[in-house]
Protein backbone atom coordinates (compact mmCIF):
# COMPACT_ATOMS: atom_id res chain seq x y z
CA UNK A 1 0.00 0.00 0.00
CA UNK A 2 1.40 3.37 -0.95
CA UNK A 3 2.21 5.95 1.72
CA UNK A 4 -0.50 8.28 0.33
CA UNK A 5 -3.20 5.60 0.49
CA UNK A 6 -2.08 4.58 3.99
CA UNK A 7 -2.33 8.19 5.22
CA UNK A 8 -5.73 8.56 3.57
CA UNK A 9 -6.96 5.36 5.25
CA UNK A 10 -5.77 6.56 8.64
CA UNK A 11 -7.44 9.93 8.12
CA UNK A 12 -10.76 8.28 7.21
CA UNK A 13 -10.55 6.04 10.28
CA UNK A 14 -9.80 9.01 12.55
CA UNK A 15 -12.71 11.00 11.17
CA UNK A 16 -15.03 7.99 11.56
CA UNK A 17 -14.08 7.60 15.23
CA UNK A 18 -14.54 11.33 15.80
CA UNK A 19 -17.95 11.40 14.11
CA UNK A 20 -19.21 8.34 15.99
CA UNK A 21 -17.93 9.75 19.28
CA UNK A 22 -19.69 13.07 18.76
CA UNK A 23 -23.03 11.86 17.38
CA UNK A 24 -24.84 11.52 20.71
CA UNK A 25 -23.94 14.84 22.36
CA UNK A 26 -24.43 16.82 19.12
CA UNK A 27 -28.00 15.55 18.82
CA UNK A 28 -28.83 16.54 22.39
CA UNK A 29 -27.23 19.95 21.89
CA UNK A 30 -29.23 20.54 18.70
CA UNK A 31 -32.52 19.68 20.38
CA UNK A 32 -31.84 22.10 23.25
CA UNK A 33 -30.61 24.80 20.89
CA UNK A 34 -33.71 24.65 18.69
CA UNK A 35 -35.84 25.87 21.57
CA UNK A 36 -33.36 28.68 22.25
CA UNK A 37 -33.31 29.65 18.56
CA UNK A 38 -37.12 29.68 18.49
CA UNK A 39 -37.14 31.92 21.56
CA UNK A 40 -34.59 34.22 19.93
CA UNK A 41 -36.80 34.52 16.83
CA UNK A 42 -39.88 35.32 18.93
CA UNK A 43 -37.91 37.89 20.97
CA UNK A 44 -36.99 39.56 17.67
CA UNK A 45 -40.68 40.01 16.87
CA UNK A 46 -41.33 36.98 14.69
CA UNK A 47 -44.64 35.24 15.11
CA UNK A 48 -44.78 31.49 15.48
CA UNK A 49 -45.45 30.91 11.75
CA UNK A 50 -42.48 33.08 10.69
CA UNK A 51 -40.22 31.53 13.35
CA UNK A 52 -41.08 28.05 12.01
CA UNK A 53 -40.53 29.18 8.42
CA UNK A 54 -37.15 30.65 9.37
CA UNK A 55 -36.10 27.41 11.07
CA UNK A 56 -37.24 25.40 8.04
CA UNK A 57 -35.08 27.60 5.80
CA UNK A 58 -32.06 27.11 8.10
CA UNK A 59 -32.75 23.35 8.17
CA UNK A 60 -32.73 23.23 4.33
CA UNK A 61 -29.28 24.85 4.29
CA UNK A 62 -28.02 22.49 7.00
CA UNK A 63 -29.25 19.48 5.02
CA UNK A 64 -27.12 20.56 2.02
CA UNK A 65 -24.08 22.03 3.75
CA UNK A 66 -21.69 21.00 6.46
CA UNK A 67 -22.22 23.51 9.25
CA UNK A 68 -23.93 24.18 12.54
CA UNK A 69 -26.64 26.61 13.52
CA UNK A 70 -25.32 29.31 15.87
CA UNK A 71 -28.34 31.64 16.00
CA UNK A 72 -31.92 31.63 14.79
CA UNK A 73 -30.84 32.83 11.34
CA UNK A 74 -27.08 32.09 11.27
CA UNK A 75 -25.01 29.05 10.34
CA UNK A 76 -21.27 28.64 10.94
CA UNK A 77 -19.70 26.88 7.95
CA UNK A 78 -16.32 25.18 7.64
CA UNK A 79 -13.33 27.43 7.13
CA UNK A 80 -14.74 30.28 9.19
CA UNK A 81 -17.51 31.26 6.75
CA UNK A 82 -20.85 32.40 8.13
CA UNK A 83 -24.21 32.18 6.38
CA UNK A 84 -26.96 34.54 7.52
CA UNK A 85 -30.45 33.95 6.14
CA UNK A 86 -33.17 36.52 5.68
CA UNK A 87 -36.16 36.55 7.95
CA UNK A 88 -39.43 35.61 6.18
CA UNK A 89 -40.91 38.69 4.51
CA UNK A 90 -37.68 40.74 4.66
CA UNK A 91 -35.27 41.55 1.82
CA UNK A 92 -32.07 42.10 3.80
CA UNK A 93 -30.24 40.05 6.40
CA UNK A 94 -30.15 41.29 9.96
CA UNK A 95 -29.01 40.22 13.37
CA UNK A 96 -32.22 39.26 15.11
CA UNK A 97 -31.35 41.37 18.16
CA UNK A 98 -31.76 44.58 16.14
CA UNK A 99 -34.86 46.69 16.39
CA UNK A 100 -37.43 46.90 13.63
CA UNK A 101 -36.42 50.52 12.97
CA UNK A 102 -32.87 49.55 12.04
CA UNK A 103 -33.79 46.82 9.54
CA UNK A 104 -33.34 49.06 6.47
CA UNK A 105 -29.75 49.80 7.51
CA UNK A 106 -28.87 46.14 6.88
CA UNK A 107 -28.63 46.61 3.09
CA UNK A 108 -25.04 45.81 2.14
CA UNK A 109 -24.40 44.83 5.76
CA UNK A 110 -20.95 43.28 5.91
CA UNK A 111 -18.54 43.17 8.83
CA UNK A 112 -15.22 44.97 8.48
CA UNK A 113 -12.51 42.81 6.85
CA UNK A 114 -15.03 40.36 5.32
CA UNK A 115 -16.00 39.58 1.74
CA UNK A 116 -19.81 39.26 1.67
CA UNK A 117 -21.81 37.53 -1.03
CA UNK A 118 -25.57 37.94 -1.42
CA UNK A 119 -28.02 35.60 -3.13
CA UNK A 120 -29.87 38.48 -4.74
CA UNK A 121 -28.89 41.71 -6.46
CA UNK A 122 -28.40 44.98 -4.55
CA UNK A 123 -27.18 43.30 -1.36
CA UNK A 124 -30.48 41.52 -0.80
CA UNK A 125 -31.13 37.94 0.21
CA UNK A 126 -29.13 35.47 2.22
CA UNK A 127 -25.52 36.47 2.90
CA UNK A 128 -22.34 34.40 2.92
CA UNK A 129 -19.51 36.16 4.79
CA UNK A 130 -15.93 35.00 4.10
CA UNK A 131 -12.93 36.01 6.18
CA UNK A 132 -9.88 33.75 5.87
CA UNK A 133 -7.51 33.79 2.89
CA UNK A 134 -8.46 30.40 1.44
CA UNK A 135 -10.61 28.90 -1.29
CA UNK A 136 -14.26 28.55 -0.28
CA UNK A 137 -16.29 26.06 -2.32
CA UNK A 138 -19.70 27.38 -3.32
CA UNK A 139 -22.74 25.14 -3.28
CA UNK A 140 -26.02 26.22 -4.81
CA UNK A 141 -24.79 29.74 -5.63
CA UNK A 142 -26.12 30.32 -9.12
CA UNK A 143 -27.81 33.10 -11.03
CA UNK A 144 -27.41 36.80 -10.33
CA UNK A 145 -26.64 38.08 -6.86
CA UNK A 146 -24.20 40.68 -5.56
CA UNK A 147 -21.16 41.16 -3.35
CA UNK A 148 -19.52 43.70 -1.08
CA UNK A 149 -15.78 43.55 -0.44
CA UNK A 150 -15.10 45.24 2.90
CA UNK A 151 -11.74 43.63 3.53
CA UNK A 152 -8.54 45.50 4.29
CA UNK A 153 -8.30 48.40 1.79
CA UNK A 154 -6.78 47.24 -1.48
CA UNK A 155 -7.56 43.52 -1.00
CA UNK A 156 -9.02 41.81 -4.05
CA UNK A 157 -11.13 38.65 -4.09
CA UNK A 158 -10.71 36.04 -6.81
CA UNK A 159 -13.53 34.05 -8.38
CA UNK A 160 -12.55 30.61 -9.69
CA UNK A 161 -14.13 28.01 -11.94
CA UNK A 162 -14.45 24.27 -11.24
CA UNK A 163 -10.75 23.77 -12.04
CA UNK A 164 -9.80 26.54 -9.60
CA UNK A 165 -8.72 28.74 -12.48
CA UNK A 166 -9.21 32.45 -11.74
CA UNK A 167 -12.02 33.76 -13.95
CA UNK A 168 -12.55 37.15 -12.28
CA UNK A 169 -10.85 39.44 -9.79
CA UNK A 170 -12.70 42.14 -7.88
CA UNK A 171 -11.57 45.75 -7.78
CA UNK A 172 -9.64 46.62 -4.59
CA UNK A 173 -11.62 46.83 -1.34
CA UNK A 174 -13.76 48.56 -0.40
CA UNK A 175 -15.96 47.82 -3.40
CA UNK A 176 -19.41 46.40 -4.06
CA UNK A 177 -21.02 44.97 -7.16
CA UNK A 178 -24.81 45.29 -7.29
CA UNK A 179 -25.34 42.56 -9.92
CA UNK A 180 -22.95 39.62 -10.24
CA UNK A 181 -23.50 36.26 -11.97
CA UNK A 182 -22.44 33.48 -9.56
CA UNK A 183 -23.25 30.68 -12.05
CA UNK A 184 -19.69 30.12 -13.41
CA UNK A 185 -18.10 30.56 -9.95
CA UNK A 186 -17.24 27.37 -8.04
CA UNK A 187 -14.72 28.79 -5.57
CA UNK A 188 -14.09 32.21 -4.03
CA UNK A 189 -10.77 33.24 -2.51
CA UNK A 190 -11.42 36.51 -0.67
CA UNK A 191 -7.78 37.67 -0.79
């Protein structure tokens, strides 16, 4: 057996042991957290129907992506990425602790030193925030959306195709693009 195959076999075995060892506690944690996330949604002014719809949307993302729910409308993804989903009936993402009067200010909301991608044009829709200088694989990001590059001034993000060939480079930060076609993009490197 080659050294590469041996290392790969050991890595698979280690991950299997880790996954099996964590399965029980993770399930209990998720069940307890769901109630807390529901309470967070209600405290932010969502009715029971909207809170359930929000959780269903988060659950759909979790079914397709490796990540864990960290708030009623936020998912931590591998590599330090964070996905924030819109609340039912709203166009822009927001932290659920904000007041109703500050919701409009969330257009183009992006934390300092992040590269933020939006599912819809003009900074609307669900937001994927990328921080670390690495390739992030995109899943289900197709059609026209937008982005806002609020990284360190001068930093440029690179969009890559399925072969990790650079197909586009953003202008230096800070810069936003109100209409961007994500269809040919398979990977984003925010630096």
